[in-house]
Structures are given as C-alpha cells and as structure tokens.
Amino acid sequence: MKLILLTLVALPLFSKAFAADDLPANAFPADAFAAIFFSENAFPTNTFAEESTAAANKDTVYQSSYSVLPFVSYTPETSLMFGGLSLHQFKPGDAGPETRSSSFIFSAMYTLNRQLMIEFTPNVIFPQERWILDGRYEFSIFPESYWGVGSETADDDELEIEYSSFDFRQSVLRKLGPDLFAGPKLRWNRVYDISVEEPENNTASDAGNNAVEQTTLAGIGFSVRQDRRNSIATPAQGRYLELTAMFYPDISGATHPHSSWRMDARRYLDLSGDQSQVLAIHFRSQLTTGQLPFREYALLGGREIMRGYYEGRFRDSNSAQIQAEFRRHAWWRIGFAVFAAAGEVWNRFEDFHLNNPKFSAGAGLRFDLNPDDTTNLRIDYGISPHGGGLYITIGEAF
C-alpha cells in the first residue's frame, strides 16, 4: 500500500500536465511543482553540454591527490565538532574528463557532547560513469536528545539517549542513460549499549523506555537517481532526484522488520545567468511501515533541512519537508543566503492533517574556500517555534 502511495506522490513530479482540479483543495499544485523541479526552461541557463565541452578542454589529464586536513564544525546536535580527515581523489583506469573524480574519505570526529564518529566513505566512479559505487561505513558513540514519537511532543519531554552503533551502507549504481542511474543498495546496522538519562517528572519516559532496545538490521533495496547538478558541493543549476526503497525482512535477521521509501528532489534555478543569484528548492519525504526502532523513524530537522529544529525533534512513521533558499554572491569570496522551510510528521495516512505544521527560517553567510572550484564554508542560523541553532560546516545544505 505504501509503495502505491509513494508512486502517487512521485508521479506528479514527472507529469507535464496534471490538472489542478484533480487534487484535493489543500494539496500542493503538482503541475507547478513538476514545472519548477523538472522543466528545462523555467529559467534560461547555460547548457550542460557547453559546460562539459569547456571542462573537457581544460581537464585533459587528471592529477590524483591526497590530503590530510583538520576539521571543525558546529551543529545543535553535536555542539563543537573537531577532528581530522584524509581525502584521496582519483580517477580509475583510463577515465577521462567525461568522468567525475572518485574519492576515498576517512574521518574521525569528537564533539563537546561526548560523541565519537569514525567514518570511511568510498565513492568510485568508473570510466564513462558506467558504474558508481557509493558506500558509507561508520562507527559512532552518540548521545542525543529524544522527545518521543509523534507530532505533538512537548519541549519538556526531552531526555537523553546514548548508544553505540555500526552502520554499513553500500550501493551499486548502473548508468541507464544520460545522468540516470539505478541499482541495488545493501545495509547492515547494529545499535547496542543503549542507555536513557531521564530528568525528573519527564512525561516522555514511556517513549524513552520503549526506545531502549538493541537492534540489528540487515536490508536490501533499490535506488533510482537522476543527477543533473553542475556541482555537488555548490550546485547552481540543474536538478537532482533520488527514489529509494529499503526492506528489512525477518529472514535477514532483522530484530525490527520494516520497510521504508524515500524521495529526495532538488531544483536549482540560476536567476542571474552567471550563478551569482540562485534559487534552490528541496523536497524530502520518507514513508515507513512495520516495526521501527527509534533511529529508523522519519526525522524532522537537522543541518540539511528544517534548520532551526534539532534533528529528530519530531519523528514518526512518515514525514514530508520542503524548503527554499536564495543564495547570492555579495563581494570577493563572500556571499549570503536566506531560507525557509515547512514540514510535518505523522503516523497513519488516515490521521494526517495540517492543523499544526512545523515552520523554520533563517539566514547565513558563505565564504568560498576554493575560487577555482567553488566550495563554500557555510555559517547558518535557523530559528523555529521550538528553538534555534547555529550550523558551521562545509558545503551547501542541499
């Protein structure tokens, strides 16, 4: 049933002429949504063919590189984070300028919230981009705040859950056409050594106790991705769409058998024609069914979407979030951005309503660390009715 619902959600994104009269009165106009995200003529931009030709003339021989760098960032979930990372960028085999660079990233981070994260992220793109191998292998010890499940949890319900986790993810994507990839995904996850620290008179204690369960997940899924962004770290043109389905059945040994469906759609409009003024729009949704451990619920908030909400401040079986951001170059290497977002979580579709949607907004500064290949230092502050948060990191939110 959820797969059918996801199809119904995704279908308008590909529709060129979906009548608004066919939608409920409170629904988002699907044809307008599709036009913004997927129309090539929404705003005039340079073609990617022209950019690819220019890149081909410039990048005739790729030089592999290896770097070891210190790293500092700040988010509401981690407080101050510091550590180091090693980055190896390369192109395998006889890959030429038509193939984006591959990378191996190893990082170790510690935060003032006593969180430890060790992560290895391999991304290998084969010649002609025929195959893409995306992976993430992570160990973490992670205390985090938890308010229970549902869209009506109170700020006073906060408690702290600490756990250790191994999380291994690997996808194998095959090129099906220009900028279109599809393939299987595998995941293994283990959460253990869980403890709950509850303040006195905490009304969320039942939800917290229910969350204290060691979990093991082994899942398989499938992903379809279209990526027409001109840049991954600092996109200014193009679009991105990824649809993913994951299944964690009993037969795999999962302690909490369940399924999840995710949609991530992004559109970038170059308003000025020279990438100095960009309007970026982002829609993200997650639908789940089955037995969910607390880390597998659909989460609202974080450093990528609904900034101003602690990631997981609201969580439930399903979520939908949308945000828009205006980015402008100001002077030299400096720019700024303003953003706003809305979202909601819910349990069952028959209980879904928009009586209490969640909103956030904010602004931030950008500093271009590499003018030859724009990569921004991002400093954002987001606010919401449930607090606010400072975000300092590398790369745009989306």
Foldseek 3Di string as FASTA:
>chain_A
DVVVVVCVVCVLLPDCDDDQVVDPPPDDRSNVNNCQFPPPVPDDADDVVVVLVVQQVVFFDDDKDKDKAWDWKAKPFFGIKTWIKIKIWAAPDPAGSLWDIWIWMWIWMAGPVGKTKTKIWGWYQHHVSQKIKTKMWMKMWGKGWAQFADFPGDLLLIWIKTKIKIKIKMWMWGDPDQQKIKTKMKIKMWIDPIDIGDDPPRPCVVRVVVLHDTWIFIKMKMKIKGDDFPDDQEGAADKIKMKMKMFTDVVVVTPWTKIKIKIKIKGWDNNPRPSQKIKIKIKIKMAMDTGDRLVPFDWDEDLQFQAADDTRHYTERIKIKMKMKIKHDDDDQKIKMKMKMKMGYDYDPVPDDVPDIWIKIWMWMWGFPDVVRGKTFIWIWMHTPSGIIIITGIGHSD
